[in-house]
C-alpha cells in the first residue's frame, strides 16, 4: 500500500525512517533526475539541490529521491547515526515529519576512489508537466530482508560470496525491485534505467535472473561499489524518468 505526500506531488511506499521504498509522481507531474558531474559533500549537496529546485520554481518538498556515495560500508550503529544526521535537513525542508520519510534513496560505497565523506551523486524532484508519462524511482535495496533484527540476522546467504550465494542474492534483490514497482503500479517493462551495485562477478546469473525477467530491457548500469552496510554484497535500484540532466 502506498501513501500520498501532497506537499511534494508524489506518492511513496512507506518503509523506514531514513527512506521510502520508492516514489511515483502524481498525475500532472513528472520526476526530473539531476546528476552532479562531480560528487558534492552532503552539506554542499543539499545547498545546491535547494538552489536548483527553487530556481525551477518548486518547493523543497518536491525533493523525492537521491543517490549518495559514501567512503566505506557502515556498521549497523554507524549507518543509523549517519541516517539520523541525514534526515535533519529533510526535517528542515518539511519533507520528514520525525517518523515518516517519503524520499527514496540509494547509498553505496565505491570500491575504487571513494569520496572522503558522504556525498551526493544525484537527486530527483517533481515538477508540473502536462501529459507527462508516468514516472517513478525505486529506492536501492541490498539482500537484507525486512525486519528489526540485525543485518547479520536478516541477510540472504550472509557472508556467502560463492557463485551460488551471489546468485541467490541477485534473485532476491531483483524480486524486491519487482514487488516495489508493482506496489506503485509498474513493472520492468516500464523502467527506463536499472542500476546495480556490487564488486562481485554476477555474469553467471545475469541472463536468467535479470535479462529473462526484463530487468535489462534498457540495459543495466553496473557501479563497482558496495552496499552501505558491512557484509551486504549486492544492491539494485531502478526508475522511469523521462527528464534527466547533468550539472
Protein backbone atom coordinates (compact mmCIF):
# COMPACT_ATOMS: atom_id res chain seq x y z
CA UNK A 1 0.00 0.00 0.00
CA UNK A 2 1.29 3.46 -0.89
CA UNK A 3 0.87 6.78 0.89
CA UNK A 4 0.40 10.21 -0.65
CA UNK A 5 2.72 13.14 0.02
CA UNK A 6 0.62 16.07 -1.26
CA UNK A 7 3.27 18.68 -0.43
CA UNK A 8 5.62 17.00 -2.89
CA UNK A 9 3.06 15.93 -5.52
CA UNK A 10 4.04 12.30 -5.28
CA UNK A 11 3.10 9.05 -3.57
CA UNK A 12 5.51 6.68 -1.88
CA UNK A 13 5.99 3.22 -0.40
CA UNK A 14 6.35 3.59 3.39
CA UNK A 15 9.48 1.90 4.70
CA UNK A 16 11.94 3.04 7.39
CA UNK A 17 12.75 6.45 8.88
CA UNK A 18 15.72 7.07 6.59
CA UNK A 19 13.99 6.43 3.26
CA UNK A 20 10.92 5.09 1.48
CA UNK A 21 10.74 2.05 -0.77
CA UNK A 22 10.05 4.16 -3.84
CA UNK A 23 8.13 7.14 -5.22
CA UNK A 24 5.87 7.91 -8.17
CA UNK A 25 4.81 11.33 -9.43
CA UNK A 26 1.14 12.22 -9.12
CA UNK A 27 -0.92 12.91 -12.28
CA UNK A 28 0.05 16.22 -13.83
CA UNK A 29 3.61 15.94 -12.54
CA UNK A 30 6.79 14.18 -13.57
CA UNK A 31 10.07 13.32 -11.88
CA UNK A 32 13.24 15.02 -13.06
CA UNK A 33 16.59 13.42 -12.18
CA UNK A 34 19.68 15.61 -11.81
CA UNK A 35 23.15 14.08 -11.60
CA UNK A 36 26.16 16.02 -10.38
CA UNK A 37 29.16 15.92 -12.69
CA UNK A 38 31.31 15.92 -9.56
CA UNK A 39 30.12 14.45 -6.26
CA UNK A 40 29.24 17.05 -3.63
CA UNK A 41 29.69 16.54 0.13
CA UNK A 42 26.38 16.24 1.97
CA UNK A 43 26.02 19.82 3.22
CA UNK A 44 27.16 21.37 -0.07
CA UNK A 45 24.97 18.95 -1.98
CA UNK A 46 21.87 19.85 -0.01
CA UNK A 47 22.60 23.53 -0.60
CA UNK A 48 22.97 23.04 -4.36
CA UNK A 49 19.85 20.89 -4.50
CA UNK A 50 17.83 23.57 -2.73
CA UNK A 51 19.14 26.20 -5.13
CA UNK A 52 18.29 24.09 -8.19
CA UNK A 53 14.80 23.13 -7.02
CA UNK A 54 13.90 26.70 -6.07
CA UNK A 55 15.25 28.03 -9.38
CA UNK A 56 12.86 25.61 -11.08
CA UNK A 57 10.02 27.31 -9.22
CA UNK A 58 9.39 24.32 -6.96
CA UNK A 59 9.05 23.88 -3.23
CA UNK A 60 11.76 21.93 -1.41
CA UNK A 61 9.05 19.41 -0.52
CA UNK A 62 9.18 18.29 -4.18
CA UNK A 63 12.51 16.57 -3.37
CA UNK A 64 11.62 12.89 -3.82
CA UNK A 65 14.78 10.78 -4.31
CA UNK A 66 18.55 10.88 -4.05
CA UNK A 67 21.62 8.79 -4.73
CA UNK A 68 24.53 9.01 -2.31
CA UNK A 69 28.14 7.85 -2.30
CA UNK A 70 29.94 7.03 0.97
CA UNK A 71 33.61 6.36 1.80
CA UNK A 72 33.08 2.83 3.13
CA UNK A 73 30.40 0.47 4.39
CA UNK A 74 28.93 1.28 7.79
CA UNK A 75 28.35 -0.87 10.84
CA UNK A 76 24.69 -1.16 11.88
CA UNK A 77 25.19 1.57 14.50
CA UNK A 78 27.24 3.76 12.18
CA UNK A 79 24.56 3.54 9.49
CA UNK A 80 21.85 4.56 11.96
CA UNK A 81 23.92 7.53 13.18
CA UNK A 82 24.52 8.66 9.59
CA UNK A 83 20.81 8.44 8.84
CA UNK A 84 19.90 10.47 11.92
CA UNK A 85 22.19 13.21 10.61
CA UNK A 86 20.90 12.93 7.03
CA UNK A 87 17.21 13.39 7.93
CA UNK A 88 17.85 16.66 9.81
CA UNK A 89 17.86 18.62 6.55
CA UNK A 90 14.75 16.80 5.33
CA UNK A 91 13.02 17.88 8.53
CA UNK A 92 14.03 21.50 7.90
CA UNK A 93 12.61 21.23 4.38
CA UNK A 94 9.26 19.92 5.62
CA UNK A 95 9.80 16.53 3.99
CA UNK A 96 10.48 14.34 7.03
CA UNK A 97 7.99 14.64 9.92
CA UNK A 98 10.03 12.78 12.52
CA UNK A 99 8.70 9.32 11.74
CA UNK A 100 7.72 9.02 8.07
CA UNK A 101 10.19 9.69 5.27
CA UNK A 102 8.75 9.76 1.71
CA UNK A 103 12.13 10.18 -0.05
CA UNK A 104 13.55 7.19 -1.96
CA UNK A 105 17.31 6.73 -1.65
CA UNK A 106 20.34 4.74 -2.69
CA UNK A 107 23.60 5.00 -0.73
CA UNK A 108 26.56 2.95 -1.93
CA UNK A 109 30.32 2.83 -1.44
CA UNK A 110 32.62 2.95 -4.49
CA UNK A 111 35.35 0.34 -4.15
CA UNK A 112 37.88 2.45 -6.05
CA UNK A 113 38.41 6.20 -5.49
CA UNK A 114 35.60 6.63 -2.96
CA UNK A 115 34.70 10.11 -1.66
CA UNK A 116 36.35 11.36 1.51
CA UNK A 117 32.92 11.88 3.10
CA UNK A 118 29.29 11.01 2.27
CA UNK A 119 28.38 12.84 -0.92
CA UNK A 120 25.56 13.38 -3.39
CA UNK A 121 25.72 11.65 -6.78
CA UNK A 122 22.22 12.54 -7.99
CA UNK A 123 18.80 13.68 -6.84
CA UNK A 124 15.24 13.77 -8.16
CA UNK A 125 12.27 16.07 -7.67
CA UNK A 126 8.79 16.51 -9.07
CA UNK A 127 7.68 19.25 -11.41
CA UNK A 128 4.43 20.04 -13.27
CA UNK A 129 4.17 18.53 -16.72
CA UNK A 130 1.08 18.39 -18.91
CA UNK A 131 0.57 14.99 -20.45
CA UNK A 132 3.74 13.59 -18.91
CA UNK A 133 4.27 9.85 -18.97
CA UNK A 134 4.13 8.25 -15.51
CA UNK A 135 7.47 8.35 -13.70
CA UNK A 136 8.89 6.62 -10.64
CA UNK A 137 12.08 5.93 -8.70
CA UNK A 138 12.60 2.73 -6.71
CA UNK A 139 14.94 3.02 -3.73
CA UNK A 140 18.09 0.95 -3.59
CA UNK A 141 17.90 -2.38 -1.81
CA UNK A 142 20.52 -4.94 -0.87
CA UNK A 143 19.97 -8.56 0.09
CA UNK A 144 18.73 -7.80 3.61
CA UNK A 145 15.21 -8.89 4.44
CA UNK A 146 12.82 -6.52 6.21
CA UNK A 147 12.55 -6.65 9.98
CA UNK A 148 14.02 -5.31 13.19
CA UNK A 149 16.78 -7.89 13.55
CA UNK A 150 20.42 -7.02 12.86
CA UNK A 151 21.66 -7.06 9.29
CA UNK A 152 23.60 -10.26 10.05
CA UNK A 153 20.37 -12.00 11.06
CA UNK A 154 18.32 -10.94 8.06
CA UNK A 155 20.85 -11.01 5.22
CA UNK A 156 20.28 -13.56 2.46
CA UNK A 157 23.23 -16.00 2.32
CA UNK A 158 25.12 -13.98 4.92
CA UNK A 159 28.85 -13.72 4.10
CA UNK A 160 28.41 -16.21 1.26
CA UNK A 161 30.08 -14.83 -1.88
CA UNK A 162 30.25 -18.18 -3.67
CA UNK A 163 28.67 -18.25 -7.16
CA UNK A 164 25.57 -19.87 -5.63
CA UNK A 165 25.45 -17.30 -2.83
CA UNK A 166 25.73 -14.37 -5.25
CA UNK A 167 23.07 -15.90 -7.49
CA UNK A 168 20.60 -16.13 -4.62
CA UNK A 169 21.35 -12.56 -3.55
CA UNK A 170 20.76 -11.29 -7.11
CA UNK A 171 17.46 -13.13 -7.40
CA UNK A 172 16.28 -11.87 -4.02
CA UNK A 173 17.11 -8.22 -4.79
CA UNK A 174 15.51 -8.41 -8.24
CA UNK A 175 12.35 -9.78 -6.58
CA UNK A 176 12.37 -6.79 -4.19
CA UNK A 177 12.56 -4.40 -7.14
CA UNK A 178 9.61 -6.17 -8.77
CA UNK A 179 7.50 -6.01 -5.63
CA UNK A 180 8.19 -2.32 -5.12
CA UNK A 181 7.41 -1.46 -8.73
CA UNK A 182 4.18 -3.47 -8.51
CA UNK A 183 3.13 -1.53 -5.42
CA UNK A 184 3.36 1.64 -7.50
CA UNK A 185 1.60 0.02 -10.46
CA UNK A 186 4.64 -0.60 -12.66
CA UNK A 187 6.90 -3.39 -13.88
CA UNK A 188 10.22 -3.98 -15.63
CA UNK A 189 8.65 -3.04 -18.98
CA UNK A 190 8.23 0.49 -17.64
CA UNK A 191 11.75 1.06 -16.29
CA UNK A 192 13.98 3.37 -18.32
CA UNK A 193 17.10 2.62 -16.28
CA UNK A 194 18.28 -0.09 -13.88
CA UNK A 195 21.42 0.20 -11.76
CA UNK A 196 23.29 -2.49 -9.86
CA UNK A 197 25.98 -2.13 -7.21
CA UNK A 198 28.45 -4.89 -6.39
CA UNK A 199 32.14 -5.74 -6.59
CA UNK A 200 31.38 -9.41 -7.32
CA UNK A 201 31.02 -11.19 -10.64
CA UNK A 202 27.35 -11.93 -11.32
CA UNK A 203 27.64 -12.82 -15.00
CA UNK A 204 26.69 -16.45 -14.31
CA UNK A 205 23.22 -15.37 -13.15
CA UNK A 206 22.78 -12.24 -15.27
CA UNK A 207 20.87 -13.82 -18.17
CA UNK A 208 18.46 -15.93 -16.13
CA UNK A 209 17.84 -13.74 -13.08
CA UNK A 210 17.84 -10.34 -14.79
CA UNK A 211 17.67 -10.36 -18.59
CA UNK A 212 14.95 -13.01 -18.94
CA UNK A 213 12.66 -11.24 -16.49
CA UNK A 214 13.07 -7.96 -18.39
CA UNK A 215 15.30 -6.13 -15.92
CA UNK A 216 17.85 -5.28 -18.63
CA UNK A 217 15.34 -4.11 -21.24
CA UNK A 218 17.11 -0.73 -21.35
CA UNK A 219 20.49 -2.14 -20.45
CA UNK A 220 21.99 -2.38 -16.97
CA UNK A 221 24.35 0.15 -15.40
CA UNK A 222 26.88 -1.58 -13.14
CA UNK A 223 28.58 0.57 -10.49
CA UNK A 224 31.64 -1.08 -8.95
CA UNK A 225 30.53 -0.30 -5.44
CA UNK A 226 29.38 -1.97 -2.23
CA UNK A 227 26.03 -1.56 -0.47
CA UNK A 228 26.22 0.79 2.54
CA UNK A 229 26.32 -1.79 5.35
CA UNK A 230 29.17 -4.21 6.08
CA UNK A 231 28.60 -7.74 4.68
CA UNK A 232 25.93 -6.72 2.18
CA UNK A 233 27.20 -7.60 -1.29
CA UNK A 234 24.59 -6.75 -3.94
CA UNK A 235 22.20 -3.85 -4.43
CA UNK A 236 19.91 -2.54 -7.17
CA UNK A 237 17.63 0.40 -7.90
CA UNK A 238 15.56 1.35 -10.93
CA UNK A 239 13.47 4.17 -12.31
CA UNK A 240 11.24 5.50 -15.05
CA UNK A 241 12.31 9.10 -15.67
CA UNK A 242 11.97 10.93 -18.99
CA UNK A 243 13.81 14.10 -17.98
CA UNK A 244 17.43 13.72 -16.83
CA UNK A 245 20.21 16.29 -16.69
CA UNK A 246 23.85 16.52 -15.56
CA UNK A 247 25.05 19.68 -13.81
